Amino acid sequence: ITKLKKLDPSHPQANLLFVLLDVFKGISVNTLVFLIVIFVLLIFSALFSGSETAFFSLNNIQLEKLRYSSNFRYGNLLNNMMAVPAKFIATLLIANSMVNIAIVILTTMMTEEVFDFSNTPLLGLLFEIFIVTFLIVLFAEVIPKVYATKNNEVIAMYMTLPLYIVVKILSPLSWLLASSTS
């Protein structure tokens, strides 16, 4: 804090720091709950994104290997999902979009609880846009997809059953989306 007092207020970085310190309200139990839920949702988003890349990067040899592997009990489920790829991809996109929307909403609610951007609403908007975009793009899109390209069989083995359940739950929505695009 003594360093903050020594900063030259005319320096642009010092102004931004003073504005952020001015708008910071503190962290409560609600904020911690928001952070935990957002973290879990980022994991779900990463799983959906990584699964999309993993399943659709499997070649025919890998698919056959998985279908008939003695270590893999869900060969029939894998067949069912991959038999209608438009419905499967629609399900993944719907599920991932729902999760990402929830992340945006919760991050906005948490930001409003932690910061008071009433005097600088543009800064608040930019803060939310850049933080959420960075989190989703890096941790829920890029890293999972890079990992999935190198480990597509492993991801397919572990994600077949959970995704089959998601496909069944979101079936009406994915059918609507898939049929509207064909």
N, C-alpha and C. Protein backbone atom coordinates (compact mmCIF):
# COMPACT_ATOMS: atom_id res chain seq x y z
N ILE A 1 0.84 -1.20 0.00
CA ILE A 1 0.00 0.00 0.00
C ILE A 1 0.87 1.25 0.00
N THR A 2 2.03 1.19 0.64
CA THR A 2 2.89 2.37 0.62
C THR A 2 3.39 2.64 -0.78
N LYS A 3 3.56 1.58 -1.60
CA LYS A 3 3.98 1.78 -2.98
C LYS A 3 2.88 2.47 -3.76
N LEU A 4 1.63 2.16 -3.44
CA LEU A 4 0.52 2.80 -4.14
C LEU A 4 0.51 4.31 -3.90
N LYS A 5 0.85 4.70 -2.71
CA LYS A 5 0.87 6.12 -2.39
C LYS A 5 2.00 6.84 -3.13
N LYS A 6 3.08 6.10 -3.45
CA LYS A 6 4.22 6.70 -4.12
C LYS A 6 4.04 6.77 -5.63
N LEU A 7 3.03 6.07 -6.19
CA LEU A 7 2.80 6.11 -7.63
C LEU A 7 2.41 7.51 -8.07
N ASP A 8 2.93 7.88 -9.19
CA ASP A 8 2.59 9.17 -9.78
C ASP A 8 1.17 9.08 -10.35
N PRO A 9 0.22 9.87 -9.84
CA PRO A 9 -1.16 9.79 -10.31
C PRO A 9 -1.33 10.15 -11.78
N SER A 10 -0.36 10.81 -12.37
CA SER A 10 -0.48 11.17 -13.78
C SER A 10 -0.11 10.00 -14.70
N HIS A 11 0.50 8.95 -14.14
CA HIS A 11 0.88 7.78 -14.93
C HIS A 11 -0.38 6.99 -15.29
N PRO A 12 -0.55 6.59 -16.56
CA PRO A 12 -1.79 5.92 -17.00
C PRO A 12 -2.08 4.62 -16.24
N GLN A 13 -1.06 3.82 -15.95
CA GLN A 13 -1.28 2.57 -15.23
C GLN A 13 -1.72 2.85 -13.80
N ALA A 14 -1.19 3.89 -13.22
CA ALA A 14 -1.59 4.24 -11.86
C ALA A 14 -3.05 4.64 -11.83
N ASN A 15 -3.50 5.37 -12.83
CA ASN A 15 -4.91 5.77 -12.88
C ASN A 15 -5.83 4.55 -12.95
N LEU A 16 -5.48 3.59 -13.80
CA LEU A 16 -6.29 2.38 -13.91
C LEU A 16 -6.31 1.62 -12.60
N LEU A 17 -5.15 1.52 -11.95
CA LEU A 17 -5.07 0.83 -10.67
C LEU A 17 -5.92 1.53 -9.62
N PHE A 18 -5.86 2.84 -9.56
CA PHE A 18 -6.66 3.59 -8.59
C PHE A 18 -8.16 3.43 -8.87
N VAL A 19 -8.54 3.41 -10.14
CA VAL A 19 -9.96 3.21 -10.49
C VAL A 19 -10.41 1.83 -10.05
N LEU A 20 -9.60 0.80 -10.33
CA LEU A 20 -9.98 -0.56 -9.93
C LEU A 20 -10.05 -0.70 -8.41
N LEU A 21 -9.11 -0.09 -7.71
CA LEU A 21 -9.16 -0.14 -6.25
C LEU A 21 -10.38 0.62 -5.72
N ASP A 22 -10.75 1.66 -6.40
CA ASP A 22 -11.90 2.46 -5.99
C ASP A 22 -13.21 1.70 -6.18
N VAL A 23 -13.30 0.86 -7.19
CA VAL A 23 -14.55 0.16 -7.47
C VAL A 23 -14.64 -1.19 -6.75
N PHE A 24 -13.54 -1.69 -6.20
CA PHE A 24 -13.54 -2.98 -5.53
C PHE A 24 -14.33 -2.92 -4.23
N LYS A 25 -15.29 -3.84 -4.07
CA LYS A 25 -16.13 -3.87 -2.87
C LYS A 25 -15.65 -4.89 -1.84
N GLY A 26 -15.00 -5.93 -2.28
CA GLY A 26 -14.59 -6.99 -1.38
C GLY A 26 -15.18 -8.32 -1.81
N ILE A 27 -14.74 -9.39 -1.16
CA ILE A 27 -15.18 -10.74 -1.52
C ILE A 27 -16.02 -11.31 -0.39
N SER A 28 -17.19 -11.84 -0.76
CA SER A 28 -18.08 -12.44 0.23
C SER A 28 -18.20 -13.94 -0.03
N VAL A 29 -19.00 -14.61 0.79
CA VAL A 29 -19.27 -16.03 0.59
C VAL A 29 -19.98 -16.26 -0.75
N ASN A 30 -20.90 -15.35 -1.10
CA ASN A 30 -21.58 -15.46 -2.40
C ASN A 30 -20.57 -15.42 -3.54
N THR A 31 -19.58 -14.58 -3.43
CA THR A 31 -18.57 -14.47 -4.46
C THR A 31 -17.81 -15.78 -4.60
N LEU A 32 -17.47 -16.40 -3.48
CA LEU A 32 -16.78 -17.69 -3.52
C LEU A 32 -17.65 -18.76 -4.16
N VAL A 33 -18.95 -18.75 -3.87
CA VAL A 33 -19.88 -19.70 -4.49
C VAL A 33 -19.93 -19.45 -6.00
N PHE A 34 -20.02 -18.18 -6.39
CA PHE A 34 -20.00 -17.85 -7.82
C PHE A 34 -18.72 -18.40 -8.48
N LEU A 35 -17.58 -18.18 -7.85
CA LEU A 35 -16.31 -18.64 -8.41
C LEU A 35 -16.28 -20.15 -8.57
N ILE A 36 -16.78 -20.87 -7.58
CA ILE A 36 -16.80 -22.34 -7.65
C ILE A 36 -17.71 -22.81 -8.78
N VAL A 37 -18.90 -22.23 -8.86
CA VAL A 37 -19.85 -22.62 -9.92
C VAL A 37 -19.29 -22.27 -11.30
N ILE A 38 -18.69 -21.10 -11.43
CA ILE A 38 -18.09 -20.71 -12.71
C ILE A 38 -16.97 -21.67 -13.08
N PHE A 39 -16.16 -22.06 -12.11
CA PHE A 39 -15.08 -23.02 -12.36
C PHE A 39 -15.63 -24.35 -12.85
N VAL A 40 -16.68 -24.85 -12.20
CA VAL A 40 -17.31 -26.11 -12.61
C VAL A 40 -17.89 -25.99 -14.03
N LEU A 41 -18.54 -24.85 -14.30
CA LEU A 41 -19.10 -24.64 -15.64
C LEU A 41 -18.00 -24.56 -16.70
N LEU A 42 -16.87 -23.96 -16.37
CA LEU A 42 -15.74 -23.94 -17.30
C LEU A 42 -15.25 -25.35 -17.60
N ILE A 43 -15.26 -26.21 -16.59
CA ILE A 43 -14.88 -27.61 -16.80
C ILE A 43 -15.86 -28.29 -17.75
N PHE A 44 -17.18 -28.06 -17.53
CA PHE A 44 -18.18 -28.64 -18.43
C PHE A 44 -17.98 -28.13 -19.86
N SER A 45 -17.77 -26.85 -20.01
CA SER A 45 -17.56 -26.27 -21.33
C SER A 45 -16.32 -26.88 -21.99
N ALA A 46 -15.26 -27.05 -21.22
CA ALA A 46 -14.05 -27.66 -21.74
C ALA A 46 -14.30 -29.10 -22.18
N LEU A 47 -15.09 -29.83 -21.40
CA LEU A 47 -15.41 -31.22 -21.76
C LEU A 47 -16.21 -31.28 -23.05
N PHE A 48 -17.19 -30.39 -23.21
CA PHE A 48 -17.98 -30.37 -24.44
C PHE A 48 -17.11 -30.00 -25.64
N SER A 49 -16.28 -28.97 -25.50
CA SER A 49 -15.42 -28.54 -26.61
C SER A 49 -14.40 -29.61 -26.97
N GLY A 50 -13.77 -30.15 -25.97
CA GLY A 50 -12.80 -31.21 -26.22
C GLY A 50 -13.43 -32.45 -26.82
N SER A 51 -14.62 -32.78 -26.37
CA SER A 51 -15.32 -33.95 -26.91
C SER A 51 -15.68 -33.75 -28.37
N GLU A 52 -16.10 -32.55 -28.70
CA GLU A 52 -16.43 -32.26 -30.11
C GLU A 52 -15.22 -32.56 -30.99
N THR A 53 -14.07 -32.06 -30.60
CA THR A 53 -12.85 -32.29 -31.37
C THR A 53 -12.46 -33.76 -31.35
N ALA A 54 -12.53 -34.39 -30.18
CA ALA A 54 -12.10 -35.78 -30.05
C ALA A 54 -12.96 -36.72 -30.89
N PHE A 55 -14.27 -36.62 -30.76
CA PHE A 55 -15.15 -37.56 -31.46
C PHE A 55 -15.09 -37.38 -32.97
N PHE A 56 -15.04 -36.13 -33.42
CA PHE A 56 -15.07 -35.90 -34.86
C PHE A 56 -13.69 -35.95 -35.50
N SER A 57 -12.65 -36.21 -34.70
CA SER A 57 -11.33 -36.42 -35.28
C SER A 57 -10.96 -37.90 -35.30
N LEU A 58 -11.84 -38.75 -34.77
CA LEU A 58 -11.58 -40.19 -34.82
C LEU A 58 -11.70 -40.67 -36.26
N ASN A 59 -10.70 -41.43 -36.70
CA ASN A 59 -10.80 -42.01 -38.03
C ASN A 59 -11.52 -43.36 -37.93
N ASN A 60 -11.78 -43.97 -39.06
CA ASN A 60 -12.55 -45.23 -39.08
C ASN A 60 -11.85 -46.34 -38.31
N ILE A 61 -10.55 -46.41 -38.40
CA ILE A 61 -9.80 -47.44 -37.67
C ILE A 61 -9.94 -47.24 -36.17
N GLN A 62 -9.83 -45.99 -35.70
CA GLN A 62 -9.98 -45.72 -34.27
C GLN A 62 -11.40 -46.02 -33.80
N LEU A 63 -12.40 -45.66 -34.62
CA LEU A 63 -13.79 -45.95 -34.25
C LEU A 63 -14.02 -47.45 -34.12
N GLU A 64 -13.54 -48.22 -35.06
CA GLU A 64 -13.70 -49.68 -35.00
C GLU A 64 -12.97 -50.25 -33.78
N LYS A 65 -11.78 -49.74 -33.53
CA LYS A 65 -11.01 -50.19 -32.37
C LYS A 65 -11.78 -49.93 -31.08
N LEU A 66 -12.38 -48.75 -30.97
CA LEU A 66 -13.16 -48.42 -29.78
C LEU A 66 -14.43 -49.28 -29.68
N ARG A 67 -15.11 -49.44 -30.77
CA ARG A 67 -16.38 -50.19 -30.77
C ARG A 67 -16.19 -51.61 -30.28
N TYR A 68 -15.07 -52.23 -30.63
CA TYR A 68 -14.88 -53.65 -30.33
C TYR A 68 -13.84 -53.91 -29.25
N SER A 69 -13.38 -52.88 -28.59
CA SER A 69 -12.40 -53.03 -27.54
C SER A 69 -13.04 -53.67 -26.30
N SER A 70 -12.33 -54.61 -25.70
CA SER A 70 -12.85 -55.26 -24.49
C SER A 70 -12.82 -54.31 -23.30
N ASN A 71 -12.01 -53.26 -23.37
CA ASN A 71 -11.93 -52.28 -22.29
C ASN A 71 -13.01 -51.21 -22.39
N PHE A 72 -13.78 -51.24 -23.48
CA PHE A 72 -14.75 -50.18 -23.73
C PHE A 72 -16.14 -50.79 -23.78
N ARG A 73 -16.97 -50.52 -22.76
CA ARG A 73 -18.29 -51.14 -22.64
C ARG A 73 -19.36 -50.42 -23.43
N TYR A 74 -19.07 -49.26 -23.99
CA TYR A 74 -20.12 -48.44 -24.57
C TYR A 74 -20.04 -48.34 -26.09
N GLY A 75 -19.60 -49.42 -26.73
CA GLY A 75 -19.50 -49.44 -28.18
C GLY A 75 -20.82 -49.15 -28.87
N ASN A 76 -21.91 -49.72 -28.34
CA ASN A 76 -23.23 -49.47 -28.95
C ASN A 76 -23.64 -48.01 -28.80
N LEU A 77 -23.35 -47.43 -27.67
CA LEU A 77 -23.68 -46.01 -27.47
C LEU A 77 -22.89 -45.14 -28.44
N LEU A 78 -21.62 -45.48 -28.60
CA LEU A 78 -20.78 -44.74 -29.54
C LEU A 78 -21.35 -44.86 -30.96
N ASN A 79 -21.76 -46.07 -31.34
CA ASN A 79 -22.38 -46.28 -32.66
C ASN A 79 -23.62 -45.42 -32.82
N ASN A 80 -24.47 -45.40 -31.80
CA ASN A 80 -25.71 -44.62 -31.88
C ASN A 80 -25.44 -43.13 -32.06
N MET A 81 -24.48 -42.60 -31.32
CA MET A 81 -24.19 -41.17 -31.41
C MET A 81 -23.54 -40.82 -32.75
N MET A 82 -22.61 -41.64 -33.19
CA MET A 82 -21.89 -41.34 -34.43
C MET A 82 -22.70 -41.67 -35.68
N ALA A 83 -23.80 -42.41 -35.51
CA ALA A 83 -24.65 -42.76 -36.65
C ALA A 83 -25.36 -41.54 -37.21
N VAL A 84 -25.66 -40.57 -36.35
CA VAL A 84 -26.34 -39.34 -36.78
C VAL A 84 -25.45 -38.17 -36.34
N PRO A 85 -24.39 -37.90 -37.11
CA PRO A 85 -23.42 -36.88 -36.68
C PRO A 85 -24.01 -35.48 -36.57
N ALA A 86 -25.00 -35.15 -37.41
CA ALA A 86 -25.60 -33.81 -37.33
C ALA A 86 -26.30 -33.61 -35.99
N LYS A 87 -26.99 -34.63 -35.52
CA LYS A 87 -27.68 -34.53 -34.23
C LYS A 87 -26.66 -34.47 -33.09
N PHE A 88 -25.61 -35.26 -33.21
CA PHE A 88 -24.59 -35.30 -32.17
C PHE A 88 -23.87 -33.95 -32.05
N ILE A 89 -23.46 -33.39 -33.18
CA ILE A 89 -22.77 -32.09 -33.14
C ILE A 89 -23.72 -31.00 -32.66
N ALA A 90 -24.99 -31.09 -33.05
CA ALA A 90 -25.98 -30.10 -32.59
C ALA A 90 -26.12 -30.18 -31.07
N THR A 91 -26.14 -31.39 -30.53
CA THR A 91 -26.24 -31.56 -29.08
C THR A 91 -25.04 -30.94 -28.38
N LEU A 92 -23.85 -31.21 -28.89
CA LEU A 92 -22.64 -30.65 -28.28
C LEU A 92 -22.65 -29.13 -28.32
N LEU A 93 -23.07 -28.57 -29.44
CA LEU A 93 -23.10 -27.11 -29.57
C LEU A 93 -24.15 -26.48 -28.66
N ILE A 94 -25.32 -27.11 -28.56
CA ILE A 94 -26.37 -26.59 -27.67
C ILE A 94 -25.91 -26.65 -26.22
N ALA A 95 -25.37 -27.80 -25.81
CA ALA A 95 -24.93 -27.96 -24.42
C ALA A 95 -23.82 -26.96 -24.09
N ASN A 96 -22.86 -26.82 -24.98
CA ASN A 96 -21.75 -25.89 -24.74
C ASN A 96 -22.25 -24.45 -24.71
N SER A 97 -23.18 -24.11 -25.59
CA SER A 97 -23.73 -22.75 -25.59
C SER A 97 -24.48 -22.46 -24.30
N MET A 98 -25.25 -23.43 -23.82
CA MET A 98 -25.99 -23.24 -22.56
C MET A 98 -25.03 -23.00 -21.41
N VAL A 99 -23.98 -23.78 -21.36
CA VAL A 99 -22.97 -23.64 -20.29
C VAL A 99 -22.28 -22.28 -20.40
N ASN A 100 -21.89 -21.89 -21.60
CA ASN A 100 -21.20 -20.61 -21.78
C ASN A 100 -22.10 -19.43 -21.43
N ILE A 101 -23.37 -19.52 -21.76
CA ILE A 101 -24.32 -18.47 -21.38
C ILE A 101 -24.42 -18.37 -19.86
N ALA A 102 -24.46 -19.53 -19.20
CA ALA A 102 -24.51 -19.54 -17.73
C ALA A 102 -23.24 -18.90 -17.15
N ILE A 103 -22.09 -19.17 -17.76
CA ILE A 103 -20.84 -18.56 -17.30
C ILE A 103 -20.91 -17.04 -17.42
N VAL A 104 -21.41 -16.55 -18.54
CA VAL A 104 -21.52 -15.10 -18.74
C VAL A 104 -22.46 -14.47 -17.71
N ILE A 105 -23.61 -15.09 -17.49
CA ILE A 105 -24.58 -14.55 -16.53
C ILE A 105 -24.01 -14.54 -15.12
N LEU A 106 -23.41 -15.64 -14.70
CA LEU A 106 -22.86 -15.72 -13.35
C LEU A 106 -21.67 -14.77 -13.16
N THR A 107 -20.85 -14.64 -14.19
CA THR A 107 -19.72 -13.72 -14.10
C THR A 107 -20.21 -12.28 -13.97
N THR A 108 -21.26 -11.95 -14.71
CA THR A 108 -21.83 -10.61 -14.60
C THR A 108 -22.37 -10.37 -13.20
N MET A 109 -23.10 -11.36 -12.66
CA MET A 109 -23.65 -11.22 -11.31
C MET A 109 -22.53 -11.09 -10.28
N MET A 110 -21.48 -11.89 -10.44
CA MET A 110 -20.37 -11.84 -9.50
C MET A 110 -19.63 -10.51 -9.60
N THR A 111 -19.43 -10.03 -10.81
CA THR A 111 -18.74 -8.76 -11.01
C THR A 111 -19.51 -7.62 -10.35
N GLU A 112 -20.83 -7.64 -10.48
CA GLU A 112 -21.64 -6.60 -9.85
C GLU A 112 -21.57 -6.67 -8.33
N GLU A 113 -21.35 -7.88 -7.81
CA GLU A 113 -21.25 -8.02 -6.36
C GLU A 113 -19.88 -7.58 -5.83
N VAL A 114 -18.84 -7.79 -6.63
CA VAL A 114 -17.48 -7.52 -6.17
C VAL A 114 -17.04 -6.10 -6.50
N PHE A 115 -17.49 -5.58 -7.64
CA PHE A 115 -17.06 -4.26 -8.09
C PHE A 115 -18.26 -3.33 -8.24
N ASP A 116 -17.99 -2.04 -8.03
CA ASP A 116 -19.02 -1.03 -8.25
C ASP A 116 -18.58 -0.17 -9.42
N PHE A 117 -19.09 -0.52 -10.60
CA PHE A 117 -18.74 0.22 -11.80
C PHE A 117 -19.81 1.25 -12.14
N SER A 118 -20.56 1.71 -11.15
CA SER A 118 -21.63 2.67 -11.43
C SER A 118 -21.08 4.01 -11.94
N ASN A 119 -19.90 4.39 -11.49
CA ASN A 119 -19.30 5.64 -11.97
C ASN A 119 -18.55 5.47 -13.28
N THR A 120 -18.17 4.23 -13.59
CA THR A 120 -17.43 3.93 -14.83
C THR A 120 -18.04 2.71 -15.51
N PRO A 121 -19.26 2.82 -16.03
CA PRO A 121 -19.93 1.64 -16.61
C PRO A 121 -19.19 1.06 -17.82
N LEU A 122 -18.54 1.89 -18.59
CA LEU A 122 -17.80 1.38 -19.75
C LEU A 122 -16.65 0.50 -19.29
N LEU A 123 -15.96 0.90 -18.24
CA LEU A 123 -14.88 0.08 -17.69
C LEU A 123 -15.44 -1.25 -17.20
N GLY A 124 -16.60 -1.23 -16.57
CA GLY A 124 -17.23 -2.47 -16.11
C GLY A 124 -17.57 -3.40 -17.26
N LEU A 125 -18.13 -2.84 -18.32
CA LEU A 125 -18.47 -3.64 -19.49
C LEU A 125 -17.23 -4.25 -20.12
N LEU A 126 -16.21 -3.44 -20.30
CA LEU A 126 -14.96 -3.94 -20.89
C LEU A 126 -14.31 -4.99 -20.00
N PHE A 127 -14.35 -4.76 -18.70
CA PHE A 127 -13.80 -5.72 -17.74
C PHE A 127 -14.49 -7.08 -17.89
N GLU A 128 -15.82 -7.06 -17.91
CA GLU A 128 -16.59 -8.31 -18.03
C GLU A 128 -16.34 -8.98 -19.38
N ILE A 129 -16.35 -8.22 -20.45
CA ILE A 129 -16.16 -8.80 -21.78
C ILE A 129 -14.79 -9.46 -21.89
N PHE A 130 -13.74 -8.75 -21.48
CA PHE A 130 -12.40 -9.31 -21.64
C PHE A 130 -12.14 -10.48 -20.71
N ILE A 131 -12.60 -10.41 -19.48
CA ILE A 131 -12.38 -11.51 -18.54
C ILE A 131 -13.11 -12.76 -19.00
N VAL A 132 -14.40 -12.63 -19.31
CA VAL A 132 -15.20 -13.79 -19.71
C VAL A 132 -14.69 -14.36 -21.03
N THR A 133 -14.40 -13.50 -21.98
CA THR A 133 -13.91 -13.98 -23.27
C THR A 133 -12.59 -14.72 -23.10
N PHE A 134 -11.69 -14.16 -22.32
CA PHE A 134 -10.40 -14.81 -22.08
C PHE A 134 -10.59 -16.17 -21.43
N LEU A 135 -11.42 -16.24 -20.38
CA LEU A 135 -11.64 -17.51 -19.68
C LEU A 135 -12.23 -18.57 -20.60
N ILE A 136 -13.27 -18.20 -21.32
CA ILE A 136 -13.94 -19.18 -22.18
C ILE A 136 -13.05 -19.60 -23.35
N VAL A 137 -12.46 -18.65 -24.03
CA VAL A 137 -11.67 -19.00 -25.20
C VAL A 137 -10.45 -19.84 -24.82
N LEU A 138 -9.72 -19.43 -23.82
CA LEU A 138 -8.50 -20.15 -23.47
C LEU A 138 -8.78 -21.48 -22.77
N PHE A 139 -9.55 -21.42 -21.67
CA PHE A 139 -9.71 -22.61 -20.84
C PHE A 139 -10.85 -23.53 -21.26
N ALA A 140 -11.80 -23.04 -22.04
CA ALA A 140 -12.93 -23.88 -22.43
C ALA A 140 -12.96 -24.16 -23.93
N GLU A 141 -12.04 -23.60 -24.69
CA GLU A 141 -12.02 -23.86 -26.13
C GLU A 141 -10.63 -24.31 -26.59
N VAL A 142 -9.64 -23.44 -26.50
CA VAL A 142 -8.33 -23.72 -27.10
C VAL A 142 -7.62 -24.89 -26.42
N ILE A 143 -7.41 -24.80 -25.13
CA ILE A 143 -6.67 -25.86 -24.42
C ILE A 143 -7.36 -27.21 -24.55
N PRO A 144 -8.69 -27.32 -24.32
CA PRO A 144 -9.33 -28.64 -24.48
C PRO A 144 -9.24 -29.19 -25.90
N LYS A 145 -9.35 -28.34 -26.90
CA LYS A 145 -9.29 -28.82 -28.28
C LYS A 145 -7.88 -29.28 -28.65
N VAL A 146 -6.88 -28.58 -28.19
CA VAL A 146 -5.50 -29.01 -28.44
C VAL A 146 -5.26 -30.36 -27.76
N TYR A 147 -5.69 -30.50 -26.52
CA TYR A 147 -5.54 -31.77 -25.80
C TYR A 147 -6.31 -32.88 -26.51
N ALA A 148 -7.52 -32.58 -26.97
CA ALA A 148 -8.37 -33.60 -27.60
C ALA A 148 -7.81 -34.10 -28.91
N THR A 149 -7.12 -33.25 -29.64
CA THR A 149 -6.54 -33.72 -30.91
C THR A 149 -5.46 -34.76 -30.67
N LYS A 150 -4.80 -34.69 -29.53
CA LYS A 150 -3.74 -35.64 -29.22
C LYS A 150 -4.24 -36.85 -28.45
N ASN A 151 -5.41 -36.76 -27.84
CA ASN A 151 -5.93 -37.83 -26.98
C ASN A 151 -7.38 -38.17 -27.32
N ASN A 152 -7.70 -38.21 -28.61
CA ASN A 152 -9.09 -38.39 -29.00
C ASN A 152 -9.70 -39.72 -28.57
N GLU A 153 -8.94 -40.80 -28.61
CA GLU A 153 -9.49 -42.10 -28.21
C GLU A 153 -9.79 -42.14 -26.71
N VAL A 154 -8.90 -41.61 -25.93
CA VAL A 154 -9.09 -41.61 -24.47
C VAL A 154 -10.32 -40.78 -24.10
N ILE A 155 -10.44 -39.61 -24.70
CA ILE A 155 -11.59 -38.75 -24.42
C ILE A 155 -12.87 -39.43 -24.87
N ALA A 156 -12.84 -40.07 -26.03
CA ALA A 156 -14.03 -40.77 -26.51
C ALA A 156 -14.44 -41.88 -25.55
N MET A 157 -13.46 -42.60 -25.00
CA MET A 157 -13.77 -43.68 -24.06
C MET A 157 -14.46 -43.14 -22.80
N TYR A 158 -13.93 -42.05 -22.26
CA TYR A 158 -14.46 -41.52 -21.01
C TYR A 158 -15.73 -40.68 -21.18
N MET A 159 -15.90 -40.10 -22.34
CA MET A 159 -17.03 -39.17 -22.52
C MET A 159 -18.23 -39.78 -23.25
N THR A 160 -18.15 -41.01 -23.72
CA THR A 160 -19.27 -41.59 -24.45
C THR A 160 -20.53 -41.67 -23.60
N LEU A 161 -20.45 -42.25 -22.42
CA LEU A 161 -21.65 -42.38 -21.58
C LEU A 161 -22.20 -41.02 -21.15
N PRO A 162 -21.39 -40.11 -20.60
CA PRO A 162 -21.95 -38.80 -20.23
C PRO A 162 -22.58 -38.07 -21.41
N LEU A 163 -21.94 -38.14 -22.57
CA LEU A 163 -22.49 -37.45 -23.73
C LEU A 163 -23.74 -38.13 -24.26
N TYR A 164 -23.80 -39.44 -24.13
CA TYR A 164 -25.01 -40.15 -24.55
C TYR A 164 -26.20 -39.68 -23.70
N ILE A 165 -25.97 -39.49 -22.42
CA ILE A 165 -27.03 -38.98 -21.52
C ILE A 165 -27.43 -37.57 -21.94
N VAL A 166 -26.45 -36.72 -22.24
CA VAL A 166 -26.74 -35.36 -22.69
C VAL A 166 -27.51 -35.38 -24.01
N VAL A 167 -27.11 -36.28 -24.91
CA VAL A 167 -27.82 -36.42 -26.20
C VAL A 167 -29.29 -36.77 -25.96
N LYS A 168 -29.54 -37.67 -25.04
CA LYS A 168 -30.93 -38.07 -24.75
C LYS A 168 -31.71 -36.91 -24.13
N ILE A 169 -31.10 -36.17 -23.23
CA ILE A 169 -31.79 -35.06 -22.56
C ILE A 169 -32.09 -33.93 -23.54
N LEU A 170 -31.12 -33.61 -24.38
CA LEU A 170 -31.27 -32.48 -25.31
C LEU A 170 -31.78 -32.91 -26.69
N SER A 171 -32.25 -34.13 -26.79
CA SER A 171 -32.69 -34.67 -28.08
C SER A 171 -33.70 -33.79 -28.82
N PRO A 172 -34.75 -33.28 -28.15
CA PRO A 172 -35.71 -32.44 -28.89
C PRO A 172 -35.06 -31.18 -29.48
N LEU A 173 -34.21 -30.53 -28.69
CA LEU A 173 -33.54 -29.32 -29.18
C LEU A 173 -32.55 -29.63 -30.30
N SER A 174 -31.78 -30.69 -30.13
CA SER A 174 -30.79 -31.03 -31.15
C SER A 174 -31.46 -31.51 -32.44
N TRP A 175 -32.58 -32.22 -32.32
CA TRP A 175 -33.31 -32.64 -33.51
C TRP A 175 -33.81 -31.40 -34.27
N LEU A 176 -34.32 -30.43 -33.52
CA LEU A 176 -34.82 -29.20 -34.14
C LEU A 176 -33.69 -28.46 -34.86
N LEU A 177 -32.55 -28.32 -34.20
CA LEU A 177 -31.41 -27.63 -34.81
C LEU A 177 -30.88 -28.41 -36.01
N ALA A 178 -30.70 -29.72 -35.87
CA ALA A 178 -30.16 -30.52 -36.94
C ALA A 178 -31.09 -30.54 -38.15
N SER A 179 -32.40 -30.63 -37.91
CA SER A 179 -33.34 -30.69 -39.03
C SER A 179 -33.50 -29.31 -39.70
N SER A 180 -33.27 -28.24 -38.97
CA SER A 180 -33.39 -26.91 -39.58
C SER A 180 -32.21 -26.57 -40.47
N THR A 181 -31.10 -27.26 -40.30
CA THR A 181 -29.91 -26.98 -41.10
C THR A 181 -29.75 -27.93 -42.28
N SER A 182 -30.60 -28.93 -42.38
CA SER A 182 -30.43 -29.89 -43.50
C SER A 182 -31.47 -29.68 -44.58
